[in-house]
Amino acid sequence: MKRTLTSRPRNLGDVEQAVMDHVWAAGPCSAEACREALAEARPMKESTIRTVLRRLEEKGYVTHETSGRTYIYRAAQPKQHVAIQAVRHIIDRFCGGSAEALVLGMVDNEVLDRRQLEHLTQKIAQHARAKKGKP
């Protein structure tokens, strides 16, 4: 049995982010396996991890399948896709839909430096050549 929600992902709290990082890194896992993996950095009761996973499912970050009586959770989308959605949301909400405004703001506030911009320019050029079928 598989259950999925098609809601737009919402912001993650610190504990939710730690759980998602584990699910993305480890792949499908039970609540107990997730709790054990996070026990050293974030000790949680069994009921707490189940609540966190249920909330993540409600937000659209994970789905679950049942294996016997155990729920097996998996990421609903790859980490990079979720990150891209978050950036698109920031661009739309704070930059009037302009990716250029976001990048310029990052340069103005020294989030990106000249070397990083040059590297991005090279990557964009490589991507454009690859789309045209040129080496």
N, C-alpha and C. Protein backbone atom coordinates (compact mmCIF):
# COMPACT_ATOMS: atom_id res chain seq x y z
N MET A 1 0.84 -1.17 0.00
CA MET A 1 0.00 0.00 0.00
C MET A 1 0.88 1.24 0.00
N LYS A 2 0.57 2.20 -0.87
CA LYS A 2 1.37 3.41 -0.97
C LYS A 2 0.45 4.61 -0.79
N ARG A 3 0.90 5.57 0.00
CA ARG A 3 0.11 6.77 0.24
C ARG A 3 0.97 7.97 -0.12
N THR A 4 0.44 8.85 -0.96
CA THR A 4 1.17 10.05 -1.30
C THR A 4 0.26 11.26 -1.17
N LEU A 5 0.85 12.38 -0.84
CA LEU A 5 0.14 13.63 -0.81
C LEU A 5 0.75 14.54 -1.86
N THR A 6 -0.08 15.28 -2.54
CA THR A 6 0.43 16.17 -3.57
C THR A 6 0.35 17.62 -3.12
N SER A 7 0.74 17.88 -1.88
CA SER A 7 0.74 19.25 -1.38
C SER A 7 2.07 19.91 -1.72
N ARG A 8 2.05 21.23 -1.78
CA ARG A 8 3.27 21.99 -2.02
C ARG A 8 4.12 21.95 -0.76
N PRO A 9 5.38 21.56 -0.85
CA PRO A 9 6.22 21.49 0.35
C PRO A 9 6.31 22.84 1.06
N ARG A 10 6.27 22.79 2.38
CA ARG A 10 6.37 23.99 3.21
C ARG A 10 7.70 23.96 3.95
N ASN A 11 7.98 25.03 4.67
CA ASN A 11 9.24 25.15 5.39
C ASN A 11 9.46 24.01 6.37
N LEU A 12 10.73 23.71 6.59
CA LEU A 12 11.13 22.67 7.52
C LEU A 12 11.69 23.28 8.79
N GLY A 13 11.32 22.72 9.95
CA GLY A 13 11.95 23.07 11.21
C GLY A 13 13.28 22.34 11.31
N ASP A 14 14.03 22.62 12.36
CA ASP A 14 15.36 22.02 12.53
C ASP A 14 15.30 20.49 12.64
N VAL A 15 14.36 19.98 13.44
CA VAL A 15 14.25 18.52 13.60
C VAL A 15 13.78 17.89 12.28
N GLU A 16 12.82 18.54 11.63
CA GLU A 16 12.34 18.02 10.34
C GLU A 16 13.48 17.99 9.33
N GLN A 17 14.32 19.02 9.33
CA GLN A 17 15.45 19.06 8.39
C GLN A 17 16.42 17.91 8.69
N ALA A 18 16.69 17.65 9.94
CA ALA A 18 17.59 16.54 10.30
C ALA A 18 17.02 15.21 9.84
N VAL A 19 15.72 15.02 10.03
CA VAL A 19 15.08 13.78 9.58
C VAL A 19 15.14 13.68 8.06
N MET A 20 14.84 14.76 7.36
CA MET A 20 14.89 14.73 5.89
C MET A 20 16.31 14.46 5.40
N ASP A 21 17.29 15.08 6.03
CA ASP A 21 18.68 14.82 5.63
C ASP A 21 19.00 13.34 5.75
N HIS A 22 18.51 12.71 6.80
CA HIS A 22 18.74 11.27 6.97
C HIS A 22 18.00 10.47 5.89
N VAL A 23 16.75 10.80 5.64
CA VAL A 23 15.97 10.06 4.63
C VAL A 23 16.61 10.22 3.26
N TRP A 24 17.05 11.44 2.92
CA TRP A 24 17.72 11.64 1.63
C TRP A 24 19.02 10.86 1.55
N ALA A 25 19.78 10.81 2.63
CA ALA A 25 21.07 10.12 2.60
C ALA A 25 20.93 8.60 2.66
N ALA A 26 20.02 8.12 3.49
CA ALA A 26 19.92 6.68 3.74
C ALA A 26 18.93 5.98 2.82
N GLY A 27 18.01 6.72 2.26
CA GLY A 27 16.98 6.09 1.44
C GLY A 27 15.83 5.62 2.32
N PRO A 28 14.97 4.78 1.75
CA PRO A 28 13.79 4.34 2.49
C PRO A 28 14.16 3.76 3.86
N CYS A 29 13.39 4.17 4.88
CA CYS A 29 13.69 3.68 6.23
C CYS A 29 12.43 3.71 7.09
N SER A 30 12.46 2.93 8.13
CA SER A 30 11.37 2.92 9.10
C SER A 30 11.58 4.07 10.08
N ALA A 31 10.56 4.40 10.84
CA ALA A 31 10.68 5.43 11.87
C ALA A 31 11.75 5.04 12.88
N GLU A 32 11.77 3.76 13.26
CA GLU A 32 12.75 3.30 14.25
C GLU A 32 14.18 3.42 13.72
N ALA A 33 14.40 3.05 12.46
CA ALA A 33 15.74 3.16 11.88
C ALA A 33 16.17 4.63 11.83
N CYS A 34 15.26 5.51 11.50
CA CYS A 34 15.55 6.94 11.47
C CYS A 34 15.87 7.45 12.88
N ARG A 35 15.07 7.06 13.85
CA ARG A 35 15.29 7.48 15.24
C ARG A 35 16.66 7.02 15.73
N GLU A 36 17.01 5.78 15.43
CA GLU A 36 18.31 5.25 15.86
C GLU A 36 19.46 5.98 15.19
N ALA A 37 19.31 6.28 13.91
CA ALA A 37 20.38 6.97 13.17
C ALA A 37 20.62 8.38 13.71
N LEU A 38 19.56 9.02 14.20
CA LEU A 38 19.67 10.39 14.70
C LEU A 38 19.88 10.46 16.21
N ALA A 39 19.90 9.33 16.88
CA ALA A 39 19.90 9.28 18.35
C ALA A 39 21.05 10.05 18.98
N GLU A 40 22.23 9.99 18.42
CA GLU A 40 23.37 10.66 19.03
C GLU A 40 23.24 12.19 18.94
N ALA A 41 22.87 12.67 17.76
CA ALA A 41 22.78 14.11 17.55
C ALA A 41 21.45 14.69 18.03
N ARG A 42 20.38 13.92 17.87
CA ARG A 42 19.03 14.38 18.21
C ARG A 42 18.23 13.25 18.84
N PRO A 43 18.42 12.98 20.11
CA PRO A 43 17.66 11.90 20.74
C PRO A 43 16.16 12.22 20.75
N MET A 44 15.36 11.24 20.34
CA MET A 44 13.91 11.41 20.29
C MET A 44 13.22 10.15 20.78
N LYS A 45 12.04 10.32 21.33
CA LYS A 45 11.20 9.19 21.67
C LYS A 45 10.59 8.64 20.39
N GLU A 46 10.15 7.40 20.44
CA GLU A 46 9.53 6.77 19.28
C GLU A 46 8.32 7.58 18.81
N SER A 47 7.50 8.04 19.73
CA SER A 47 6.32 8.81 19.35
C SER A 47 6.70 10.13 18.66
N THR A 48 7.81 10.72 19.08
CA THR A 48 8.25 11.98 18.49
C THR A 48 8.66 11.80 17.03
N ILE A 49 9.46 10.77 16.75
CA ILE A 49 9.91 10.57 15.38
C ILE A 49 8.72 10.24 14.47
N ARG A 50 7.77 9.50 14.99
CA ARG A 50 6.57 9.19 14.19
C ARG A 50 5.76 10.46 13.90
N THR A 51 5.67 11.35 14.88
CA THR A 51 4.98 12.62 14.67
C THR A 51 5.70 13.46 13.62
N VAL A 52 7.02 13.52 13.73
CA VAL A 52 7.81 14.30 12.77
C VAL A 52 7.61 13.74 11.36
N LEU A 53 7.69 12.43 11.21
CA LEU A 53 7.50 11.81 9.89
C LEU A 53 6.08 12.04 9.37
N ARG A 54 5.10 11.97 10.24
CA ARG A 54 3.72 12.22 9.81
C ARG A 54 3.58 13.67 9.31
N ARG A 55 4.18 14.60 10.02
CA ARG A 55 4.13 16.00 9.60
C ARG A 55 4.87 16.22 8.29
N LEU A 56 5.99 15.55 8.13
CA LEU A 56 6.72 15.64 6.86
C LEU A 56 5.88 15.10 5.71
N GLU A 57 5.12 14.07 5.98
CA GLU A 57 4.24 13.53 4.95
C GLU A 57 3.12 14.51 4.64
N GLU A 58 2.55 15.13 5.67
CA GLU A 58 1.51 16.13 5.45
C GLU A 58 2.02 17.32 4.64
N LYS A 59 3.28 17.66 4.83
CA LYS A 59 3.89 18.77 4.09
C LYS A 59 4.32 18.36 2.68
N GLY A 60 4.30 17.07 2.37
CA GLY A 60 4.66 16.61 1.04
C GLY A 60 6.11 16.24 0.85
N TYR A 61 6.88 16.13 1.93
CA TYR A 61 8.30 15.80 1.82
C TYR A 61 8.56 14.29 1.77
N VAL A 62 7.75 13.49 2.43
CA VAL A 62 7.93 12.03 2.42
C VAL A 62 6.62 11.35 2.06
N THR A 63 6.75 10.13 1.63
CA THR A 63 5.62 9.24 1.43
C THR A 63 5.93 7.98 2.22
N HIS A 64 4.93 7.13 2.37
CA HIS A 64 5.23 5.87 3.05
C HIS A 64 4.50 4.72 2.35
N GLU A 65 5.09 3.56 2.52
CA GLU A 65 4.49 2.30 2.12
C GLU A 65 4.44 1.46 3.38
N THR A 66 3.55 0.49 3.41
CA THR A 66 3.53 -0.39 4.58
C THR A 66 4.17 -1.72 4.22
N SER A 67 4.95 -2.20 5.15
CA SER A 67 5.57 -3.52 5.03
C SER A 67 5.16 -4.26 6.30
N GLY A 68 4.13 -5.08 6.17
CA GLY A 68 3.55 -5.69 7.36
C GLY A 68 2.87 -4.59 8.15
N ARG A 69 3.32 -4.40 9.37
CA ARG A 69 2.76 -3.33 10.21
C ARG A 69 3.69 -2.13 10.31
N THR A 70 4.77 -2.15 9.55
CA THR A 70 5.77 -1.09 9.62
C THR A 70 5.63 -0.13 8.44
N TYR A 71 5.65 1.15 8.74
CA TYR A 71 5.68 2.17 7.69
C TYR A 71 7.13 2.35 7.25
N ILE A 72 7.32 2.33 5.94
CA ILE A 72 8.64 2.60 5.37
C ILE A 72 8.54 3.94 4.65
N TYR A 73 9.34 4.89 5.12
CA TYR A 73 9.29 6.25 4.59
C TYR A 73 10.37 6.46 3.55
N ARG A 74 10.03 7.24 2.54
CA ARG A 74 11.00 7.62 1.50
C ARG A 74 10.74 9.06 1.12
N ALA A 75 11.76 9.71 0.61
CA ALA A 75 11.62 11.10 0.17
C ALA A 75 10.66 11.15 -1.01
N ALA A 76 9.76 12.12 -0.99
CA ALA A 76 8.81 12.29 -2.08
C ALA A 76 9.50 12.86 -3.31
N GLN A 77 10.57 13.63 -3.10
CA GLN A 77 11.32 14.24 -4.19
C GLN A 77 12.80 14.27 -3.81
N PRO A 78 13.68 14.27 -4.81
CA PRO A 78 15.11 14.38 -4.49
C PRO A 78 15.43 15.70 -3.80
N LYS A 79 16.47 15.70 -3.00
CA LYS A 79 16.88 16.88 -2.24
C LYS A 79 17.10 18.09 -3.14
N GLN A 80 17.76 17.87 -4.27
CA GLN A 80 18.05 18.98 -5.18
C GLN A 80 16.76 19.60 -5.71
N HIS A 81 15.76 18.78 -5.99
CA HIS A 81 14.49 19.30 -6.50
C HIS A 81 13.81 20.17 -5.45
N VAL A 82 13.85 19.73 -4.20
CA VAL A 82 13.26 20.51 -3.11
C VAL A 82 14.00 21.83 -2.95
N ALA A 83 15.34 21.79 -3.07
CA ALA A 83 16.13 23.02 -2.96
C ALA A 83 15.77 23.98 -4.09
N ILE A 84 15.60 23.47 -5.29
CA ILE A 84 15.25 24.32 -6.43
C ILE A 84 13.88 24.95 -6.22
N GLN A 85 12.92 24.17 -5.71
CA GLN A 85 11.60 24.73 -5.42
C GLN A 85 11.70 25.86 -4.39
N ALA A 86 12.53 25.67 -3.38
CA ALA A 86 12.70 26.70 -2.34
C ALA A 86 13.30 27.97 -2.93
N VAL A 87 14.28 27.82 -3.80
CA VAL A 87 14.90 28.99 -4.44
C VAL A 87 13.89 29.69 -5.35
N ARG A 88 13.12 28.91 -6.11
CA ARG A 88 12.09 29.53 -6.97
C ARG A 88 11.10 30.32 -6.13
N HIS A 89 10.74 29.77 -4.97
CA HIS A 89 9.82 30.48 -4.08
C HIS A 89 10.44 31.79 -3.61
N ILE A 90 11.70 31.78 -3.25
CA ILE A 90 12.40 32.99 -2.82
C ILE A 90 12.44 34.00 -3.95
N ILE A 91 12.77 33.55 -5.15
CA ILE A 91 12.82 34.45 -6.31
C ILE A 91 11.46 35.10 -6.54
N ASP A 92 10.40 34.30 -6.50
CA ASP A 92 9.06 34.84 -6.73
C ASP A 92 8.64 35.79 -5.61
N ARG A 93 8.91 35.39 -4.39
CA ARG A 93 8.42 36.15 -3.23
C ARG A 93 9.21 37.42 -2.95
N PHE A 94 10.53 37.34 -3.06
CA PHE A 94 11.37 38.46 -2.64
C PHE A 94 12.04 39.22 -3.78
N CYS A 95 12.07 38.64 -4.96
CA CYS A 95 12.80 39.26 -6.07
C CYS A 95 11.91 39.54 -7.27
N GLY A 96 10.61 39.54 -7.07
CA GLY A 96 9.68 39.84 -8.15
C GLY A 96 9.79 38.89 -9.33
N GLY A 97 10.22 37.67 -9.07
CA GLY A 97 10.34 36.67 -10.13
C GLY A 97 11.63 36.75 -10.92
N SER A 98 12.54 37.60 -10.52
CA SER A 98 13.79 37.81 -11.25
C SER A 98 14.95 37.05 -10.61
N ALA A 99 15.43 36.03 -11.31
CA ALA A 99 16.61 35.30 -10.83
C ALA A 99 17.82 36.22 -10.85
N GLU A 100 17.87 37.12 -11.82
CA GLU A 100 18.97 38.08 -11.91
C GLU A 100 19.03 38.95 -10.65
N ALA A 101 17.88 39.39 -10.16
CA ALA A 101 17.85 40.20 -8.94
C ALA A 101 18.40 39.40 -7.75
N LEU A 102 18.08 38.12 -7.70
CA LEU A 102 18.60 37.29 -6.61
C LEU A 102 20.13 37.19 -6.70
N VAL A 103 20.64 36.89 -7.88
CA VAL A 103 22.09 36.74 -8.04
C VAL A 103 22.80 38.06 -7.76
N LEU A 104 22.27 39.16 -8.28
CA LEU A 104 22.89 40.46 -8.01
C LEU A 104 22.87 40.78 -6.52
N GLY A 105 21.79 40.45 -5.84
CA GLY A 105 21.73 40.64 -4.40
C GLY A 105 22.77 39.80 -3.68
N MET A 106 23.00 38.60 -4.19
CA MET A 106 24.00 37.72 -3.58
C MET A 106 25.40 38.28 -3.80
N VAL A 107 25.64 38.89 -4.95
CA VAL A 107 26.93 39.52 -5.22
C VAL A 107 27.09 40.76 -4.34
N ASP A 108 26.05 41.61 -4.31
CA ASP A 108 26.11 42.84 -3.52
C ASP A 108 26.35 42.56 -2.03
N ASN A 109 25.83 41.45 -1.55
CA ASN A 109 25.98 41.10 -0.13
C ASN A 109 27.10 40.09 0.11
N GLU A 110 27.96 39.93 -0.88
CA GLU A 110 29.16 39.09 -0.79
C GLU A 110 28.88 37.64 -0.45
N VAL A 111 27.73 37.14 -0.92
CA VAL A 111 27.43 35.72 -0.80
C VAL A 111 28.17 34.98 -1.91
N LEU A 112 28.23 35.61 -3.08
CA LEU A 112 28.98 35.08 -4.22
C LEU A 112 30.11 36.05 -4.53
N ASP A 113 31.31 35.50 -4.81
CA ASP A 113 32.43 36.35 -5.20
C ASP A 113 32.73 36.17 -6.69
N ARG A 114 33.70 36.91 -7.19
CA ARG A 114 34.05 36.91 -8.61
C ARG A 114 34.41 35.50 -9.10
N ARG A 115 35.20 34.79 -8.30
CA ARG A 115 35.61 33.43 -8.68
C ARG A 115 34.41 32.51 -8.83
N GLN A 116 33.48 32.59 -7.91
CA GLN A 116 32.27 31.76 -7.99
C GLN A 116 31.42 32.14 -9.20
N LEU A 117 31.32 33.43 -9.48
CA LEU A 117 30.56 33.87 -10.66
C LEU A 117 31.21 33.37 -11.95
N GLU A 118 32.55 33.42 -12.02
CA GLU A 118 33.25 32.92 -13.20
C GLU A 118 33.02 31.42 -13.37
N HIS A 119 33.05 30.70 -12.27
CA HIS A 119 32.79 29.26 -12.30
C HIS A 119 31.36 28.99 -12.79
N LEU A 120 30.41 29.75 -12.29
CA LEU A 120 29.01 29.60 -12.74
C LEU A 120 28.87 29.92 -14.22
N THR A 121 29.57 30.95 -14.68
CA THR A 121 29.53 31.31 -16.10
C THR A 121 30.05 30.16 -16.96
N GLN A 122 31.13 29.53 -16.53
CA GLN A 122 31.67 28.38 -17.26
C GLN A 122 30.67 27.22 -17.28
N LYS A 123 30.05 26.94 -16.13
CA LYS A 123 29.07 25.85 -16.05
C LYS A 123 27.87 26.13 -16.96
N ILE A 124 27.40 27.37 -16.99
CA ILE A 124 26.28 27.73 -17.85
C ILE A 124 26.65 27.55 -19.31
N ALA A 125 27.86 27.96 -19.68
CA ALA A 125 28.32 27.80 -21.07
C ALA A 125 28.43 26.31 -21.42
N GLN A 126 28.94 25.49 -20.52
CA GLN A 126 29.03 24.05 -20.76
C GLN A 126 27.64 23.45 -20.94
N HIS A 127 26.72 23.88 -20.11
CA HIS A 127 25.35 23.38 -20.18
C HIS A 127 24.72 23.76 -21.52
N ALA A 128 24.93 25.00 -21.95
CA ALA A 128 24.37 25.47 -23.23
C ALA A 128 24.96 24.68 -24.39
N ARG A 129 26.29 24.42 -24.35
CA ARG A 129 26.92 23.64 -25.42
C ARG A 129 26.39 22.21 -25.43
N ALA A 130 26.20 21.62 -24.27
CA ALA A 130 25.71 20.25 -24.18
C ALA A 130 24.29 20.15 -24.74
N LYS A 131 23.47 21.15 -24.50
CA LYS A 131 22.10 21.14 -25.03
C LYS A 131 22.10 21.23 -26.55
N LYS A 132 23.12 21.91 -27.12
CA LYS A 132 23.21 22.04 -28.57
C LYS A 132 23.94 20.85 -29.18
N GLY A 133 24.45 19.95 -28.33
CA GLY A 133 25.14 18.77 -28.82
C GLY A 133 26.59 19.02 -29.18
N LYS A 134 27.17 20.09 -28.68
CA LYS A 134 28.58 20.41 -28.94
C LYS A 134 29.41 20.10 -27.72
N PRO A 135 30.67 19.63 -27.89
CA PRO A 135 31.53 19.34 -26.75
C PRO A 135 32.02 20.57 -26.03
